[in-house]
Amino acid sequence: MENTTYDFPTEEIELPSKGLIYPEDNILSSGKITMKYMTAKEEDILTNQSYIQKGTVLDKVMQALIVSKINYNDLITGDKNAIMIAARILGYGKDYTVDLSTIDNKPFELKNKGVNEFDFTLPSTGVNITYKILTHGDEKKITTELEGLKKINKDTSPELSTRLKYMITSVGGDREVKTIREFVDKHLLARDSRELRKHVKLTQPDVDLTFFPDGDSTGINIPIGIKFFWPDF
């Protein structure tokens, strides 16, 4: 990361991915980003009704707070979660349902540094696939596709299958987009889909958002949304 002096207070944030998932020529490969403290200017963004209605308000805030010269579209979801938690601490302190400063990143290791691709064998059919961790840019494409599909058929919302089509990068060694989409629509068993999603959730880089209230051994997840910043919203 470049050595830069800023005219406002900043903090260096460690990413759950450790930067391992990004190519070496990407600044995110350092595994750290620099963020500034939240000001009234960012609070204006948080209360922007247009952004809230579009569902983009949190991304707008994060982009305003990140001072490292990154491409926001490259960020994976787990790293974005870490940035949002850091933003909440820098803006309003660590006190929430839980002490936010005690939240840790999940353990994450990667054999092929700089390559966002992982192997998985579907347990029921034995089909070998590869998949990627979705980025913010992928999420935007998925949203656009779903909005288009909703205009065609308002009664269906194929969010799950659409996300899988962007996540899976090859099926049996075949990387053709047409092959992947056909596989998801016609051949991917529900039980295999579920196992793949469980595997990704357990192994992808992220922050550990599980909170254990007194006397509760099962734990609950801390939701990250607009109320995370504005509890009384």
Protein backbone atom coordinates (compact mmCIF):
# COMPACT_ATOMS: atom_id res chain seq x y z
CA MET A 1 0.00 0.00 0.00
CA GLU A 2 1.29 3.44 -0.89
CA ASN A 3 2.64 5.63 1.89
CA THR A 4 0.37 8.66 1.80
CA THR A 5 -0.28 11.35 4.39
CA TYR A 6 -3.89 12.55 4.64
CA ASP A 7 -5.30 15.77 6.05
CA PHE A 8 -7.96 13.84 8.01
CA PRO A 9 -7.75 10.98 10.55
CA THR A 10 -7.59 7.54 8.97
CA GLU A 11 -7.30 3.90 9.99
CA GLU A 12 -5.83 0.92 8.18
CA ILE A 13 -8.31 -1.96 7.92
CA GLU A 14 -7.33 -5.60 7.47
CA LEU A 15 -9.44 -7.51 4.94
CA PRO A 16 -10.75 -11.02 5.71
CA SER A 17 -9.38 -12.22 2.37
CA LYS A 18 -5.88 -11.05 3.37
CA GLY A 19 -5.71 -9.86 -0.23
CA LEU A 20 -5.01 -13.42 -1.37
CA ILE A 21 -8.01 -13.55 -3.66
CA TYR A 22 -6.99 -10.52 -5.75
CA PRO A 23 -4.38 -10.39 -8.54
CA GLU A 24 -0.97 -9.08 -7.46
CA ASP A 25 -1.34 -5.95 -9.61
CA ASN A 26 -4.53 -5.03 -7.71
CA ILE A 27 -4.00 -2.73 -4.71
CA LEU A 28 -6.40 -4.94 -2.74
CA SER A 29 -3.79 -7.73 -2.86
CA SER A 30 -2.05 -5.95 0.03
CA GLY A 31 -4.86 -7.25 2.25
CA LYS A 32 -5.41 -3.81 3.73
CA ILE A 33 -7.19 -0.58 2.88
CA THR A 34 -7.18 2.87 4.42
CA MET A 35 -10.43 4.44 5.57
CA LYS A 36 -11.23 7.85 6.99
CA TYR A 37 -13.44 8.63 9.95
CA MET A 38 -17.09 9.35 9.20
CA THR A 39 -18.16 12.98 9.16
CA ALA A 40 -21.46 14.84 8.76
CA LYS A 41 -20.89 14.65 5.00
CA GLU A 42 -21.17 10.86 5.09
CA GLU A 43 -24.21 11.14 7.38
CA ASP A 44 -25.86 13.12 4.59
CA ILE A 45 -25.30 10.13 2.32
CA LEU A 46 -26.77 7.74 4.93
CA THR A 47 -30.00 9.76 5.01
CA ASN A 48 -30.28 10.23 1.25
CA GLN A 49 -33.74 8.87 0.46
CA SER A 50 -32.93 8.22 -3.18
CA TYR A 51 -29.97 6.01 -2.27
CA ILE A 52 -32.03 4.24 0.41
CA GLN A 53 -34.84 3.45 -2.03
CA LYS A 54 -32.37 2.18 -4.64
CA GLY A 55 -30.61 0.02 -2.03
CA THR A 56 -27.25 1.65 -2.78
CA VAL A 57 -26.88 3.81 0.32
CA LEU A 58 -24.35 1.65 2.18
CA ASP A 59 -22.16 1.23 -0.89
CA LYS A 60 -22.22 4.99 -1.42
CA VAL A 61 -21.08 5.54 2.17
CA MET A 62 -18.30 2.95 1.91
CA GLN A 63 -17.02 4.49 -1.31
CA ALA A 64 -16.92 7.89 0.37
CA LEU A 65 -14.97 6.55 3.37
CA ILE A 66 -12.36 4.47 1.52
CA VAL A 67 -9.34 6.62 0.68
CA SER A 68 -7.21 3.86 -0.87
CA LYS A 69 -7.44 4.05 -4.65
CA ILE A 70 -9.29 0.79 -5.18
CA ASN A 71 -11.88 -0.33 -7.71
CA TYR A 72 -14.93 -0.84 -5.49
CA ASN A 73 -16.38 -3.33 -7.98
CA ASP A 74 -13.47 -5.69 -7.25
CA LEU A 75 -14.37 -6.11 -3.57
CA ILE A 76 -15.79 -9.46 -2.50
CA THR A 77 -18.72 -9.51 -0.08
CA GLY A 78 -16.71 -10.63 2.96
CA ASP A 79 -14.25 -7.77 2.57
CA LYS A 80 -17.14 -5.34 2.15
CA ASN A 81 -18.61 -6.61 5.43
CA ALA A 82 -15.32 -5.87 7.21
CA ILE A 83 -15.30 -2.38 5.73
CA MET A 84 -18.88 -1.74 6.88
CA ILE A 85 -18.06 -2.83 10.42
CA ALA A 86 -15.01 -0.57 10.41
CA ALA A 87 -17.13 2.30 9.10
CA ARG A 88 -19.64 1.81 11.91
CA ILE A 89 -16.86 1.84 14.52
CA LEU A 90 -15.16 4.88 13.00
CA GLY A 91 -18.49 6.70 12.75
CA TYR A 92 -20.37 5.84 15.93
CA GLY A 93 -18.10 3.75 18.10
CA LYS A 94 -17.78 0.06 18.88
CA ASP A 95 -20.91 -0.34 21.05
CA TYR A 96 -23.76 -2.23 19.36
CA THR A 97 -25.57 -5.48 20.22
CA VAL A 98 -22.02 -6.68 20.71
CA ASP A 99 -18.66 -4.92 21.08
CA LEU A 100 -17.87 -4.52 17.37
CA SER A 101 -14.14 -4.29 18.04
CA THR A 102 -14.20 -7.94 19.17
CA ILE A 103 -15.47 -9.24 15.81
CA ASP A 104 -12.78 -11.31 14.12
CA ASN A 105 -12.13 -12.27 10.54
CA LYS A 106 -12.77 -15.92 9.70
CA PRO A 107 -9.67 -18.05 9.02
CA PHE A 108 -8.87 -18.11 5.31
CA GLU A 109 -6.11 -19.71 3.28
CA LEU A 110 -5.63 -19.96 -0.48
CA LYS A 111 -3.35 -22.29 -2.42
CA ASN A 112 -3.18 -20.26 -5.63
CA LYS A 113 -2.63 -16.69 -4.52
CA GLY A 114 -4.27 -14.10 -6.73
CA VAL A 115 -6.76 -16.52 -8.30
CA ASN A 116 -10.42 -16.22 -7.35
CA GLU A 117 -11.39 -19.78 -8.23
CA PHE A 118 -12.03 -22.87 -6.11
CA ASP A 119 -12.73 -26.55 -6.76
CA PHE A 120 -15.79 -28.42 -5.53
CA THR A 121 -17.28 -31.82 -6.27
CA LEU A 122 -21.07 -31.95 -6.11
CA PRO A 123 -21.75 -34.72 -3.58
CA SER A 124 -24.86 -36.27 -5.16
CA THR A 125 -23.83 -36.38 -8.82
CA GLY A 126 -20.04 -36.34 -8.46
CA VAL A 127 -19.73 -33.54 -11.03
CA ASN A 128 -16.56 -31.47 -10.61
CA ILE A 129 -17.08 -27.73 -10.82
CA THR A 130 -15.11 -24.58 -10.11
CA TYR A 131 -16.62 -21.47 -8.59
CA LYS A 132 -15.65 -17.92 -7.68
CA ILE A 133 -16.40 -15.66 -4.74
CA LEU A 134 -18.79 -13.02 -6.03
CA THR A 135 -17.58 -9.41 -6.16
CA HIS A 136 -19.52 -6.18 -5.87
CA GLY A 137 -19.32 -5.93 -9.67
CA ASP A 138 -20.89 -9.40 -9.97
CA GLU A 139 -23.64 -8.42 -7.55
CA LYS A 140 -24.49 -5.40 -9.72
CA LYS A 141 -24.74 -7.61 -12.83
CA ILE A 142 -26.97 -10.06 -10.96
CA THR A 143 -29.27 -7.24 -9.82
CA THR A 144 -29.52 -5.89 -13.37
CA GLU A 145 -30.33 -9.34 -14.77
CA LEU A 146 -32.98 -9.99 -12.12
CA GLU A 147 -34.60 -6.62 -12.80
CA GLY A 148 -34.77 -7.51 -16.49
CA LEU A 149 -36.26 -10.92 -15.76
CA LYS A 150 -38.85 -9.36 -13.46
CA LYS A 151 -40.08 -7.16 -16.32
CA ILE A 152 -40.65 -10.29 -18.41
CA ASN A 153 -42.30 -12.34 -15.66
CA LYS A 154 -43.36 -10.55 -12.47
CA ASP A 155 -44.46 -13.80 -10.82
CA THR A 156 -40.99 -15.35 -10.58
CA SER A 157 -37.72 -14.25 -9.02
CA PRO A 158 -34.94 -16.69 -9.97
CA GLU A 159 -32.41 -15.06 -7.67
CA LEU A 160 -30.86 -18.30 -6.43
CA SER A 161 -30.25 -19.84 -9.85
CA THR A 162 -29.06 -16.52 -11.28
CA ARG A 163 -26.48 -16.15 -8.53
CA LEU A 164 -25.25 -19.70 -9.15
CA LYS A 165 -24.82 -18.91 -12.85
CA TYR A 166 -22.44 -16.10 -11.95
CA MET A 167 -20.70 -18.06 -9.19
CA ILE A 168 -19.92 -21.26 -11.11
CA THR A 169 -17.00 -20.81 -13.51
CA SER A 170 -16.78 -24.28 -15.03
CA VAL A 171 -18.65 -27.59 -15.12
CA GLY A 172 -16.60 -30.71 -15.77
CA GLY A 173 -13.87 -28.49 -17.16
CA ASP A 174 -16.21 -26.67 -19.57
CA ARG A 175 -16.08 -22.89 -19.11
CA GLU A 176 -18.68 -21.94 -21.72
CA VAL A 177 -21.28 -19.61 -20.23
CA LYS A 178 -24.01 -21.40 -22.16
CA THR A 179 -22.96 -24.75 -20.65
CA ILE A 180 -22.93 -23.35 -17.10
CA ARG A 181 -26.35 -21.72 -17.44
CA GLU A 182 -27.88 -24.85 -18.95
CA PHE A 183 -26.37 -26.97 -16.19
CA VAL A 184 -27.84 -24.77 -13.46
CA ASP A 185 -31.29 -24.72 -15.10
CA LYS A 186 -31.56 -28.38 -16.07
CA HIS A 187 -29.06 -30.56 -14.24
CA LEU A 188 -28.08 -29.04 -10.89
CA LEU A 189 -29.93 -30.99 -8.20
CA ALA A 190 -31.41 -28.99 -5.33
CA ARG A 191 -29.40 -31.02 -2.81
CA ASP A 192 -26.15 -30.27 -4.66
CA SER A 193 -27.07 -26.60 -4.93
CA ARG A 194 -27.63 -26.48 -1.20
CA GLU A 195 -24.34 -28.25 -0.42
CA LEU A 196 -22.42 -25.88 -2.70
CA ARG A 197 -23.95 -22.84 -1.02
CA LYS A 198 -23.20 -24.24 2.43
CA HIS A 199 -19.60 -24.94 1.41
CA VAL A 200 -19.09 -21.44 0.04
CA LYS A 201 -20.61 -19.84 3.13
CA LEU A 202 -18.31 -21.81 5.43
CA THR A 203 -15.08 -21.35 3.47
CA GLN A 204 -15.23 -17.90 1.86
CA PRO A 205 -13.34 -15.01 3.47
CA ASP A 206 -15.60 -12.99 5.73
CA VAL A 207 -16.02 -11.58 9.21
CA ASP A 208 -17.55 -13.75 11.93
CA LEU A 209 -20.90 -12.06 12.55
CA THR A 210 -22.17 -14.70 14.98
CA PHE A 211 -23.19 -13.26 18.33
CA PHE A 212 -23.82 -15.40 21.43
CA PRO A 213 -26.10 -13.65 23.95
CA ASP A 214 -25.86 -14.77 27.57
CA GLY A 215 -27.23 -18.28 27.92
CA ASP A 216 -27.58 -18.79 24.15
CA SER A 217 -25.33 -21.52 22.74
CA THR A 218 -26.73 -21.47 19.20
CA GLY A 219 -25.79 -17.89 18.34
CA ILE A 220 -27.46 -15.31 16.12
CA ASN A 221 -26.09 -13.37 13.18
CA ILE A 222 -25.57 -9.62 13.43
CA PRO A 223 -27.50 -8.08 10.50
CA ILE A 224 -25.66 -5.47 8.47
CA GLY A 225 -28.02 -2.96 6.90
CA ILE A 226 -29.11 0.65 7.25
CA LYS A 227 -30.18 -0.04 10.87
CA PHE A 228 -26.61 -1.10 11.59
CA PHE A 229 -25.72 2.59 11.32
CA TRP A 230 -29.07 4.03 12.38
CA PRO A 231 -30.64 1.72 15.04
CA ASP A 232 -33.74 3.91 15.24
CA PHE A 233 -34.20 4.12 11.45
